[in-house]
Amino acid sequence: MDTYSVPHRFADTGAPLDFETWLQREKEIDKVVEQRVDIFNQSKAAGLSDDEILDKLKQFDATLPEDMTKTLGEPYGKDYKVEYDISPQYLAANLAQSREQAFKAMAQSYL
């Protein structure tokens, strides 16, 4: 099997994998996480309850393309649960996890 003539693909979308595409996707993920942290911080500053904050995050998620919610995964998807920790630290940890998953998918495509 010639693994060099066939372009490697992202596992979640099937899009051809190259550094620029991957980097652009990482920037999109960063932007979404930063927006979520801003929503969280603004909501906490406004004195909203956790349920109200989750509702705001659900509304934000509804504006995201489906492939982004798949990439980010739970709890970034549309099925939130109140017991999730929605602190900025948790959101940042999930960003790191998403990056690790993207890297593993990229590495797996080379096998």
PDB file of N, CA and C in Angstrom:
ATOM      1  N   MET A   1       0.843  -1.184   0.000  1.00  0.00           N
ATOM      2  CA  MET A   1       0.000   0.000   0.000  1.00  0.00           C
ATOM      3  C   MET A   1       0.886   1.245   0.000  1.00  0.00           C
ATOM      4  N   ASP A   2       0.626   2.132  -0.905  1.00  0.00           N
ATOM      5  CA  ASP A   2       1.396   3.365  -1.002  1.00  0.00           C
ATOM      6  C   ASP A   2       0.767   4.410  -0.089  1.00  0.00           C
ATOM      7  N   THR A   3       1.385   4.643   1.069  1.00  0.00           N
ATOM      8  CA  THR A   3       0.812   5.595   2.028  1.00  0.00           C
ATOM      9  C   THR A   3       1.213   7.029   1.739  1.00  0.00           C
ATOM     10  N   TYR A   4       2.069   7.247   0.747  1.00  0.00           N
ATOM     11  CA  TYR A   4       2.525   8.597   0.467  1.00  0.00           C
ATOM     12  C   TYR A   4       1.719   9.301  -0.611  1.00  0.00           C
ATOM     13  N   SER A   5       1.102   8.575  -1.511  1.00  0.00           N
ATOM     14  CA  SER A   5       0.357   9.219  -2.587  1.00  0.00           C
ATOM     15  C   SER A   5      -1.081   9.535  -2.182  1.00  0.00           C
ATOM     16  N   VAL A   6      -1.568   8.891  -1.137  1.00  0.00           N
ATOM     17  CA  VAL A   6      -2.933   9.142  -0.662  1.00  0.00           C
ATOM     18  C   VAL A   6      -2.852  10.132   0.494  1.00  0.00           C
ATOM     19  N   PRO A   7      -3.600  11.243   0.431  1.00  0.00           N
ATOM     20  CA  PRO A   7      -3.512  12.212   1.531  1.00  0.00           C
ATOM     21  C   PRO A   7      -4.102  11.637   2.820  1.00  0.00           C
ATOM     22  N   HIS A   8      -3.446  11.923   3.929  1.00  0.00           N
ATOM     23  CA  HIS A   8      -3.983  11.528   5.229  1.00  0.00           C
ATOM     24  C   HIS A   8      -5.196  12.398   5.522  1.00  0.00           C
ATOM     25  N   ARG A   9      -6.093  11.882   6.360  1.00  0.00           N
ATOM     26  CA  ARG A   9      -7.345  12.590   6.614  1.00  0.00           C
ATOM     27  C   ARG A   9      -7.609  12.719   8.103  1.00  0.00           C
ATOM     28  N   PHE A  10      -8.358  13.808   8.455  1.00  0.00           N
ATOM     29  CA  PHE A  10      -8.829  13.957   9.821  1.00  0.00           C
ATOM     30  C   PHE A  10      -9.821  12.841  10.097  1.00  0.00           C
ATOM     31  N   ALA A  11      -9.706  12.226  11.265  1.00  0.00           N
ATOM     32  CA  ALA A  11     -10.591  11.115  11.602  1.00  0.00           C
ATOM     33  C   ALA A  11     -12.038  11.569  11.747  1.00  0.00           C
ATOM     34  N   ASP A  12     -12.260  12.779  12.288  1.00  0.00           N
ATOM     35  CA  ASP A  12     -13.635  13.202  12.560  1.00  0.00           C
ATOM     36  C   ASP A  12     -14.372  13.720  11.333  1.00  0.00           C
ATOM     37  N   THR A  13     -13.651  14.345  10.390  1.00  0.00           N
ATOM     38  CA  THR A  13     -14.339  14.955   9.247  1.00  0.00           C
ATOM     39  C   THR A  13     -14.004  14.303   7.916  1.00  0.00           C
ATOM     40  N   GLY A  14     -12.903  13.558   7.872  1.00  0.00           N
ATOM     41  CA  GLY A  14     -12.475  12.960   6.614  1.00  0.00           C
ATOM     42  C   GLY A  14     -11.771  13.941   5.694  1.00  0.00           C
ATOM     43  N   ALA A  15     -11.562  15.181   6.164  1.00  0.00           N
ATOM     44  CA  ALA A  15     -10.892  16.196   5.349  1.00  0.00           C
ATOM     45  C   ALA A  15      -9.409  15.856   5.216  1.00  0.00           C
ATOM     46  N   PRO A  16      -8.819  16.139   4.052  1.00  0.00           N
ATOM     47  CA  PRO A  16      -7.387  15.875   3.896  1.00  0.00           C
ATOM     48  C   PRO A  16      -6.581  16.602   4.970  1.00  0.00           C
ATOM     49  N   LEU A  17      -5.567  15.932   5.473  1.00  0.00           N
ATOM     50  CA  LEU A  17      -4.753  16.465   6.559  1.00  0.00           C
ATOM     51  C   LEU A  17      -3.473  17.073   6.015  1.00  0.00           C
ATOM     52  N   ASP A  18      -3.275  18.323   6.321  1.00  0.00           N
ATOM     53  CA  ASP A  18      -1.997  18.974   6.081  1.00  0.00           C
ATOM     54  C   ASP A  18      -1.802  19.958   7.224  1.00  0.00           C
ATOM     55  N   PHE A  19      -0.600  20.452   7.380  1.00  0.00           N
ATOM     56  CA  PHE A  19      -0.299  21.285   8.538  1.00  0.00           C
ATOM     57  C   PHE A  19      -1.177  22.528   8.586  1.00  0.00           C
ATOM     58  N   GLU A  20      -1.353  23.204   7.469  1.00  0.00           N
ATOM     59  CA  GLU A  20      -2.141  24.439   7.462  1.00  0.00           C
ATOM     60  C   GLU A  20      -3.597  24.173   7.840  1.00  0.00           C
ATOM     61  N   THR A  21      -4.158  23.084   7.323  1.00  0.00           N
ATOM     62  CA  THR A  21      -5.537  22.728   7.672  1.00  0.00           C
ATOM     63  C   THR A  21      -5.634  22.430   9.158  1.00  0.00           C
ATOM     64  N   TRP A  22      -4.684  21.657   9.667  1.00  0.00           N
ATOM     65  CA  TRP A  22      -4.676  21.307  11.080  1.00  0.00           C
ATOM     66  C   TRP A  22      -4.523  22.553  11.948  1.00  0.00           C
ATOM     67  N   LEU A  23      -3.594  23.445  11.574  1.00  0.00           N
ATOM     68  CA  LEU A  23      -3.364  24.663  12.340  1.00  0.00           C
ATOM     69  C   LEU A  23      -4.607  25.545  12.345  1.00  0.00           C
ATOM     70  N   GLN A  24      -5.267  25.664  11.202  1.00  0.00           N
ATOM     71  CA  GLN A  24      -6.496  26.455  11.127  1.00  0.00           C
ATOM     72  C   GLN A  24      -7.560  25.880  12.049  1.00  0.00           C
ATOM     73  N   ARG A  25      -7.677  24.566  12.075  1.00  0.00           N
ATOM     74  CA  ARG A  25      -8.661  23.908  12.948  1.00  0.00           C
ATOM     75  C   ARG A  25      -8.339  24.179  14.418  1.00  0.00           C
ATOM     76  N   GLU A  26      -7.056  24.127  14.770  1.00  0.00           N
ATOM     77  CA  GLU A  26      -6.647  24.419  16.147  1.00  0.00           C
ATOM     78  C   GLU A  26      -7.008  25.852  16.520  1.00  0.00           C
ATOM     79  N   LYS A  27      -6.823  26.785  15.600  1.00  0.00           N
ATOM     80  CA  LYS A  27      -7.180  28.182  15.862  1.00  0.00           C
ATOM     81  C   LYS A  27      -8.682  28.332  16.055  1.00  0.00           C
ATOM     82  N   GLU A  28      -9.475  27.605  15.272  1.00  0.00           N
ATOM     83  CA  GLU A  28     -10.927  27.637  15.434  1.00  0.00           C
ATOM     84  C   GLU A  28     -11.326  27.100  16.803  1.00  0.00           C
ATOM     85  N   ILE A  29     -10.689  26.009  17.227  1.00  0.00           N
ATOM     86  CA  ILE A  29     -10.985  25.431  18.542  1.00  0.00           C
ATOM     87  C   ILE A  29     -10.609  26.422  19.638  1.00  0.00           C
ATOM     88  N   ASP A  30      -9.433  27.045  19.523  1.00  0.00           N
ATOM     89  CA  ASP A  30      -9.014  28.048  20.508  1.00  0.00           C
ATOM     90  C   ASP A  30     -10.034  29.173  20.612  1.00  0.00           C
ATOM     91  N   LYS A  31     -10.496  29.654  19.467  1.00  0.00           N
ATOM     92  CA  LYS A  31     -11.447  30.759  19.452  1.00  0.00           C
ATOM     93  C   LYS A  31     -12.749  30.368  20.158  1.00  0.00           C
ATOM     94  N   VAL A  32     -13.245  29.175  19.879  1.00  0.00           N
ATOM     95  CA  VAL A  32     -14.484  28.716  20.505  1.00  0.00           C
ATOM     96  C   VAL A  32     -14.303  28.595  22.018  1.00  0.00           C
ATOM     97  N   VAL A  33     -13.182  28.038  22.445  1.00  0.00           N
ATOM     98  CA  VAL A  33     -12.950  27.887  23.887  1.00  0.00           C
ATOM     99  C   VAL A  33     -12.834  29.253  24.550  1.00  0.00           C
ATOM    100  N   GLU A  34     -12.146  30.188  23.919  1.00  0.00           N
ATOM    101  CA  GLU A  34     -12.039  31.536  24.476  1.00  0.00           C
ATOM    102  C   GLU A  34     -13.417  32.182  24.589  1.00  0.00           C
ATOM    103  N   GLN A  35     -14.265  31.987  23.588  1.00  0.00           N
ATOM    104  CA  GLN A  35     -15.618  32.529  23.647  1.00  0.00           C
ATOM    105  C   GLN A  35     -16.404  31.897  24.788  1.00  0.00           C
ATOM    106  N   ARG A  36     -16.225  30.603  25.001  1.00  0.00           N
ATOM    107  CA  ARG A  36     -16.928  29.909  26.086  1.00  0.00           C
ATOM    108  C   ARG A  36     -16.458  30.410  27.446  1.00  0.00           C
ATOM    109  N   VAL A  37     -15.147  30.614  27.585  1.00  0.00           N
ATOM    110  CA  VAL A  37     -14.617  31.135  28.845  1.00  0.00           C
ATOM    111  C   VAL A  37     -15.163  32.539  29.090  1.00  0.00           C
ATOM    112  N   ASP A  38     -15.235  33.363  28.046  1.00  0.00           N
ATOM    113  CA  ASP A  38     -15.810  34.701  28.184  1.00  0.00           C
ATOM    114  C   ASP A  38     -17.268  34.634  28.625  1.00  0.00           C
ATOM    115  N   ILE A  39     -18.032  33.739  28.015  1.00  0.00           N
ATOM    116  CA  ILE A  39     -19.440  33.570  28.407  1.00  0.00           C
ATOM    117  C   ILE A  39     -19.515  33.184  29.878  1.00  0.00           C
ATOM    118  N   PHE A  40     -18.678  32.236  30.284  1.00  0.00           N
ATOM    119  CA  PHE A  40     -18.659  31.792  31.676  1.00  0.00           C
ATOM    120  C   PHE A  40     -18.329  32.956  32.607  1.00  0.00           C
ATOM    121  N   ASN A  41     -17.235  33.675  32.316  1.00  0.00           N
ATOM    122  CA  ASN A  41     -16.800  34.770  33.192  1.00  0.00           C
ATOM    123  C   ASN A  41     -17.838  35.877  33.270  1.00  0.00           C
ATOM    124  N   GLN A  42     -18.409  36.260  32.133  1.00  0.00           N
ATOM    125  CA  GLN A  42     -19.422  37.313  32.128  1.00  0.00           C
ATOM    126  C   GLN A  42     -20.672  36.876  32.884  1.00  0.00           C
ATOM    127  N   SER A  43     -21.033  35.618  32.733  1.00  0.00           N
ATOM    128  CA  SER A  43     -22.222  35.101  33.411  1.00  0.00           C
ATOM    129  C   SER A  43     -22.007  35.042  34.917  1.00  0.00           C
ATOM    130  N   LYS A  44     -20.817  34.586  35.338  1.00  0.00           N
ATOM    131  CA  LYS A  44     -20.503  34.551  36.776  1.00  0.00           C
ATOM    132  C   LYS A  44     -20.508  35.964  37.345  1.00  0.00           C
ATOM    133  N   ALA A  45     -19.908  36.915  36.610  1.00  0.00           N
ATOM    134  CA  ALA A  45     -19.862  38.303  37.072  1.00  0.00           C
ATOM    135  C   ALA A  45     -21.264  38.894  37.192  1.00  0.00           C
ATOM    136  N   ALA A  46     -22.172  38.418  36.333  1.00  0.00           N
ATOM    137  CA  ALA A  46     -23.557  38.900  36.373  1.00  0.00           C
ATOM    138  C   ALA A  46     -24.371  38.196  37.458  1.00  0.00           C
ATOM    139  N   GLY A  47     -23.760  37.204  38.133  1.00  0.00           N
ATOM    140  CA  GLY A  47     -24.444  36.513  39.222  1.00  0.00           C
ATOM    141  C   GLY A  47     -25.408  35.431  38.778  1.00  0.00           C
ATOM    142  N   LEU A  48     -25.225  34.906  37.574  1.00  0.00           N
ATOM    143  CA  LEU A  48     -26.121  33.854  37.090  1.00  0.00           C
ATOM    144  C   LEU A  48     -25.822  32.529  37.786  1.00  0.00           C
ATOM    145  N   SER A  49     -26.844  31.707  37.914  1.00  0.00           N
ATOM    146  CA  SER A  49     -26.675  30.374  38.499  1.00  0.00           C
ATOM    147  C   SER A  49     -26.004  29.451  37.486  1.00  0.00           C
ATOM    148  N   ASP A  50     -25.545  28.286  37.968  1.00  0.00           N
ATOM    149  CA  ASP A  50     -24.920  27.320  37.059  1.00  0.00           C
ATOM    150  C   ASP A  50     -25.883  26.893  35.957  1.00  0.00           C
ATOM    151  N   ASP A  51     -27.150  26.694  36.301  1.00  0.00           N
ATOM    152  CA  ASP A  51     -28.137  26.306  35.285  1.00  0.00           C
ATOM    153  C   ASP A  51     -28.290  27.388  34.219  1.00  0.00           C
ATOM    154  N   GLU A  52     -28.294  28.644  34.652  1.00  0.00           N
ATOM    155  CA  GLU A  52     -28.410  29.745  33.689  1.00  0.00           C
ATOM    156  C   GLU A  52     -27.162  29.835  32.808  1.00  0.00           C
ATOM    157  N   ILE A  53     -26.000  29.581  33.406  1.00  0.00           N
ATOM    158  CA  ILE A  53     -24.759  29.590  32.621  1.00  0.00           C
ATOM    159  C   ILE A  53     -24.785  28.462  31.598  1.00  0.00           C
ATOM    160  N   LEU A  54     -25.222  27.288  32.018  1.00  0.00           N
ATOM    161  CA  LEU A  54     -25.320  26.166  31.082  1.00  0.00           C
ATOM    162  C   LEU A  54     -26.269  26.487  29.939  1.00  0.00           C
ATOM    163  N   ASP A  55     -27.375  27.158  30.250  1.00  0.00           N
ATOM    164  CA  ASP A  55     -28.309  27.558  29.190  1.00  0.00           C
ATOM    165  C   ASP A  55     -27.626  28.493  28.199  1.00  0.00           C
ATOM    166  N   LYS A  56     -26.836  29.443  28.712  1.00  0.00           N
ATOM    167  CA  LYS A  56     -26.113  30.353  27.815  1.00  0.00           C
ATOM    168  C   LYS A  56     -25.123  29.583  26.932  1.00  0.00           C
ATOM    169  N   LEU A  57     -24.428  28.614  27.534  1.00  0.00           N
ATOM    170  CA  LEU A  57     -23.478  27.822  26.754  1.00  0.00           C
ATOM    171  C   LEU A  57     -24.198  26.957  25.721  1.00  0.00           C
ATOM    172  N   LYS A  58     -25.358  26.436  26.071  1.00  0.00           N
ATOM    173  CA  LYS A  58     -26.151  25.667  25.102  1.00  0.00           C
ATOM    174  C   LYS A  58     -26.563  26.550  23.928  1.00  0.00           C
ATOM    175  N   GLN A  59     -26.978  27.786  24.240  1.00  0.00           N
ATOM    176  CA  GLN A  59     -27.358  28.713  23.169  1.00  0.00           C
ATOM    177  C   GLN A  59     -26.159  28.990  22.261  1.00  0.00           C
ATOM    178  N   PHE A  60     -24.996  29.157  22.865  1.00  0.00           N
ATOM    179  CA  PHE A  60     -23.789  29.378  22.072  1.00  0.00           C
ATOM    180  C   PHE A  60     -23.495  28.165  21.202  1.00  0.00           C
ATOM    181  N   ASP A  61     -23.594  26.967  21.787  1.00  0.00           N
ATOM    182  CA  ASP A  61     -23.330  25.735  21.033  1.00  0.00           C
ATOM    183  C   ASP A  61     -24.259  25.592  19.841  1.00  0.00           C
ATOM    184  N   ALA A  62     -25.485  26.062  19.990  1.00  0.00           N
ATOM    185  CA  ALA A  62     -26.458  25.941  18.905  1.00  0.00           C
ATOM    186  C   ALA A  62     -26.010  26.726  17.674  1.00  0.00           C
ATOM    187  N   THR A  63     -25.107  27.685  17.864  1.00  0.00           N
ATOM    188  CA  THR A  63     -24.619  28.483  16.735  1.00  0.00           C
ATOM    189  C   THR A  63     -23.404  27.850  16.054  1.00  0.00           C
ATOM    190  N   LEU A  64     -22.831  26.818  16.685  1.00  0.00           N
ATOM    191  CA  LEU A  64     -21.624  26.187  16.136  1.00  0.00           C
ATOM    192  C   LEU A  64     -21.976  25.170  15.063  1.00  0.00           C
ATOM    193  N   PRO A  65     -21.107  25.002  14.070  1.00  0.00           N
ATOM    194  CA  PRO A  65     -21.323  23.938  13.092  1.00  0.00           C
ATOM    195  C   PRO A  65     -21.232  22.576  13.783  1.00  0.00           C
ATOM    196  N   GLU A  66     -21.947  21.602  13.264  1.00  0.00           N
ATOM    197  CA  GLU A  66     -22.001  20.283  13.893  1.00  0.00           C
ATOM    198  C   GLU A  66     -20.621  19.649  14.017  1.00  0.00           C
ATOM    199  N   ASP A  67     -19.767  19.843  13.011  1.00  0.00           N
ATOM    200  CA  ASP A  67     -18.446  19.217  13.097  1.00  0.00           C
ATOM    201  C   ASP A  67     -17.608  19.798  14.228  1.00  0.00           C
ATOM    202  N   MET A  68     -17.879  21.041  14.625  1.00  0.00           N
ATOM    203  CA  MET A  68     -17.143  21.627  15.748  1.00  0.00           C
ATOM    204  C   MET A  68     -17.581  20.989  17.063  1.00  0.00           C
ATOM    205  N   THR A  69     -18.869  20.760  17.242  1.00  0.00           N
ATOM    206  CA  THR A  69     -19.316  20.133  18.485  1.00  0.00           C
ATOM    207  C   THR A  69     -18.834  18.692  18.555  1.00  0.00           C
ATOM    208  N   LYS A  70     -18.718  18.018  17.405  1.00  0.00           N
ATOM    209  CA  LYS A  70     -18.159  16.655  17.404  1.00  0.00           C
ATOM    210  C   LYS A  70     -16.689  16.689  17.788  1.00  0.00           C
ATOM    211  N   THR A  71     -15.953  17.660  17.257  1.00  0.00           N
ATOM    212  CA  THR A  71     -14.532  17.774  17.558  1.00  0.00           C
ATOM    213  C   THR A  71     -14.310  18.064  19.029  1.00  0.00           C
ATOM    214  N   LEU A  72     -15.094  18.971  19.569  1.00  0.00           N
ATOM    215  CA  LEU A  72     -14.910  19.355  20.959  1.00  0.00           C
ATOM    216  C   LEU A  72     -15.452  18.306  21.916  1.00  0.00           C
ATOM    217  N   GLY A  73     -16.476  17.585  21.499  1.00  0.00           N
ATOM    218  CA  GLY A  73     -17.018  16.509  22.327  1.00  0.00           C
ATOM    219  C   GLY A  73     -17.737  16.995  23.567  1.00  0.00           C
ATOM    220  N   GLU A  74     -18.133  16.063  24.403  1.00  0.00           N
ATOM    221  CA  GLU A  74     -18.820  16.401  25.641  1.00  0.00           C
ATOM    222  C   GLU A  74     -17.818  16.988  26.616  1.00  0.00           C
ATOM    223  N   PRO A  75     -18.144  17.960  27.440  1.00  0.00           N
ATOM    224  CA  PRO A  75     -19.441  18.597  27.540  1.00  0.00           C
ATOM    225  C   PRO A  75     -19.651  19.727  26.562  1.00  0.00           C
ATOM    226  N   TYR A  76     -18.828  19.816  25.509  1.00  0.00           N
ATOM    227  CA  TYR A  76     -19.012  20.870  24.528  1.00  0.00           C
ATOM    228  C   TYR A  76     -20.173  20.596  23.586  1.00  0.00           C
ATOM    229  N   GLY A  77     -20.669  19.378  23.573  1.00  0.00           N
ATOM    230  CA  GLY A  77     -21.777  19.040  22.698  1.00  0.00           C
ATOM    231  C   GLY A  77     -23.081  19.634  23.177  1.00  0.00           C
ATOM    232  N   LYS A  78     -24.156  19.186  22.616  1.00  0.00           N
ATOM    233  CA  LYS A  78     -25.442  19.796  22.910  1.00  0.00           C
ATOM    234  C   LYS A  78     -26.129  19.200  24.138  1.00  0.00           C
ATOM    235  N   ASP A  79     -25.637  18.085  24.682  1.00  0.00           N
ATOM    236  CA  ASP A  79     -26.276  17.434  25.826  1.00  0.00           C
ATOM    237  C   ASP A  79     -25.519  17.737  27.109  1.00  0.00           C
ATOM    238  N   TYR A  80     -25.794  18.890  27.687  1.00  0.00           N
ATOM    239  CA  TYR A  80     -25.133  19.280  28.926  1.00  0.00           C
ATOM    240  C   TYR A  80     -25.801  18.637  30.121  1.00  0.00           C
ATOM    241  N   LYS A  81     -25.041  18.488  31.189  1.00  0.00           N
ATOM    242  CA  LYS A  81     -25.579  18.053  32.468  1.00  0.00           C
ATOM    243  C   LYS A  81     -25.112  19.059  33.504  1.00  0.00           C
ATOM    244  N   VAL A  82     -25.982  19.380  34.440  1.00  0.00           N
ATOM    245  CA  VAL A  82     -25.677  20.419  35.415  1.00  0.00           C
ATOM    246  C   VAL A  82     -24.459  20.070  36.258  1.00  0.00           C
ATOM    247  N   GLU A  83     -24.213  18.782  36.493  1.00  0.00           N
ATOM    248  CA  GLU A  83     -23.098  18.412  37.357  1.00  0.00           C
ATOM    249  C   GLU A  83     -21.729  18.633  36.713  1.00  0.00           C
ATOM    250  N   TYR A  84     -21.676  18.976  35.426  1.00  0.00           N
ATOM    251  CA  TYR A  84     -20.386  19.270  34.815  1.00  0.00           C
ATOM    252  C   TYR A  84     -19.761  20.485  35.478  1.00  0.00           C
ATOM    253  N   ASP A  85     -18.458  20.425  35.662  1.00  0.00           N
ATOM    254  CA  ASP A  85     -17.703  21.582  36.119  1.00  0.00           C
ATOM    255  C   ASP A  85     -17.535  22.477  34.893  1.00  0.00           C
ATOM    256  N   ILE A  86     -18.045  23.688  34.962  1.00  0.00           N
ATOM    257  CA  ILE A  86     -17.986  24.566  33.793  1.00  0.00           C
ATOM    258  C   ILE A  86     -17.028  25.727  34.023  1.00  0.00           C
ATOM    259  N   SER A  87     -16.071  25.542  34.911  1.00  0.00           N
ATOM    260  CA  SER A  87     -15.101  26.597  35.189  1.00  0.00           C
ATOM    261  C   SER A  87     -14.161  26.777  33.996  1.00  0.00           C
ATOM    262  N   PRO A  88     -13.523  27.945  33.905  1.00  0.00           N
ATOM    263  CA  PRO A  88     -12.564  28.152  32.810  1.00  0.00           C
ATOM    264  C   PRO A  88     -11.449  27.108  32.807  1.00  0.00           C
ATOM    265  N   GLN A  89     -11.041  26.650  34.003  1.00  0.00           N
ATOM    266  CA  GLN A  89      -9.985  25.646  34.067  1.00  0.00           C
ATOM    267  C   GLN A  89     -10.448  24.349  33.403  1.00  0.00           C
ATOM    268  N   TYR A  90     -11.713  23.990  33.621  1.00  0.00           N
ATOM    269  CA  TYR A  90     -12.248  22.770  33.022  1.00  0.00           C
ATOM    270  C   TYR A  90     -12.339  22.922  31.504  1.00  0.00           C
ATOM    271  N   LEU A  91     -12.794  24.089  31.068  1.00  0.00           N
ATOM    272  CA  LEU A  91     -12.886  24.330  29.630  1.00  0.00           C
ATOM    273  C   LEU A  91     -11.499  24.261  28.996  1.00  0.00           C
ATOM    274  N   ALA A  92     -10.503  24.833  29.678  1.00  0.00           N
ATOM    275  CA  ALA A  92      -9.137  24.792  29.155  1.00  0.00           C
ATOM    276  C   ALA A  92      -8.604  23.359  29.138  1.00  0.00           C
ATOM    277  N   ALA A  93      -8.937  22.586  30.169  1.00  0.00           N
ATOM    278  CA  ALA A  93      -8.500  21.186  30.206  1.00  0.00           C
ATOM    279  C   ALA A  93      -9.105  20.411  29.044  1.00  0.00           C
ATOM    280  N   ASN A  94     -10.360  20.714  28.714  1.00  0.00           N
ATOM    281  CA  ASN A  94     -10.990  20.038  27.591  1.00  0.00           C
ATOM    282  C   ASN A  94     -10.371  20.464  26.271  1.00  0.00           C
ATOM    283  N   LEU A  95      -9.891  21.698  26.196  1.00  0.00           N
ATOM    284  CA  LEU A  95      -9.180  22.128  24.993  1.00  0.00           C
ATOM    285  C   LEU A  95      -7.922  21.281  24.825  1.00  0.00           C
ATOM    286  N   ALA A  96      -7.189  21.089  25.923  1.00  0.00           N
ATOM    287  CA  ALA A  96      -5.975  20.270  25.853  1.00  0.00           C
ATOM    288  C   ALA A  96      -6.320  18.845  25.437  1.00  0.00           C
ATOM    289  N   GLN A  97      -7.423  18.322  25.958  1.00  0.00           N
ATOM    290  CA  GLN A  97      -7.849  16.968  25.602  1.00  0.00           C
ATOM    291  C   GLN A  97      -8.217  16.906  24.124  1.00  0.00           C
ATOM    292  N   SER A  98      -8.909  17.936  23.622  1.00  0.00           N
ATOM    293  CA  SER A  98      -9.282  17.969  22.210  1.00  0.00           C
ATOM    294  C   SER A  98      -8.038  17.994  21.330  1.00  0.00           C
ATOM    295  N   ARG A  99      -7.035  18.754  21.751  1.00  0.00           N
ATOM    296  CA  ARG A  99      -5.788  18.810  20.987  1.00  0.00           C
ATOM    297  C   ARG A  99      -5.107  17.450  20.981  1.00  0.00           C
ATOM    298  N   GLU A 100      -5.112  16.792  22.149  1.00  0.00           N
ATOM    299  CA  GLU A 100      -4.487  15.471  22.231  1.00  0.00           C
ATOM    300  C   GLU A 100      -5.213  14.490  21.323  1.00  0.00           C
ATOM    301  N   GLN A 101      -6.552  14.561  21.297  1.00  0.00           N
ATOM    302  CA  GLN A 101      -7.326  13.675  20.428  1.00  0.00           C
ATOM    303  C   GLN A 101      -7.019  13.962  18.963  1.00  0.00           C
ATOM    304  N   ALA A 102      -6.897  15.242  18.616  1.00  0.00           N
ATOM    305  CA  ALA A 102      -6.587  15.610  17.232  1.00  0.00           C
ATOM    306  C   ALA A 102      -5.200  15.094  16.853  1.00  0.00           C
ATOM    307  N   PHE A 103      -4.244  15.222  17.777  1.00  0.00           N
ATOM    308  CA  PHE A 103      -2.894  14.734  17.507  1.00  0.00           C
ATOM    309  C   PHE A 103      -2.893  13.219  17.335  1.00  0.00           C
ATOM    310  N   LYS A 104      -3.630  12.508  18.212  1.00  0.00           N
ATOM    311  CA  LYS A 104      -3.694  11.051  18.109  1.00  0.00           C
ATOM    312  C   LYS A 104      -4.328  10.632  16.784  1.00  0.00           C
ATOM    313  N   ALA A 105      -5.378  11.350  16.377  1.00  0.00           N
ATOM    314  CA  ALA A 105      -6.031  11.033  15.105  1.00  0.00           C
ATOM    315  C   ALA A 105      -5.058  11.258  13.949  1.00  0.00           C
ATOM    316  N   MET A 106      -4.283  12.344  14.047  1.00  0.00           N
ATOM    317  CA  MET A 106      -3.307  12.634  13.006  1.00  0.00           C
ATOM    318  C   MET A 106      -2.234  11.537  12.991  1.00  0.00           C
ATOM    319  N   ALA A 107      -1.744  11.165  14.177  1.00  0.00           N
ATOM    320  CA  ALA A 107      -0.718  10.124  14.255  1.00  0.00           C
ATOM    321  C   ALA A 107      -1.261   8.789  13.758  1.00  0.00           C
ATOM    322  N   GLN A 108      -2.502   8.480  14.104  1.00  0.00           N
ATOM    323  CA  GLN A 108      -3.123   7.219  13.692  1.00  0.00           C
ATOM    324  C   GLN A 108      -3.234   7.146  12.170  1.00  0.00           C
ATOM    325  N   SER A 109      -3.461   8.295  11.553  1.00  0.00           N
ATOM    326  CA  SER A 109      -3.617   8.292  10.097  1.00  0.00           C
ATOM    327  C   SER A 109      -2.305   7.947   9.388  1.00  0.00           C
ATOM    328  N   TYR A 110      -1.194   8.087  10.095  1.00  0.00           N
ATOM    329  CA  TYR A 110       0.098   7.755   9.498  1.00  0.00           C
ATOM    330  C   TYR A 110       0.452   6.281   9.649  1.00  0.00           C
ATOM    331  N   LEU A 111      -0.307   5.554  10.476  1.00  0.00           N
ATOM    332  CA  LEU A 111      -0.010   4.127  10.695  1.00  0.00           C
ATOM    333  C   LEU A 111      -0.547   3.269   9.581  1.00  0.00           C
TER     334      LEU A 111
END
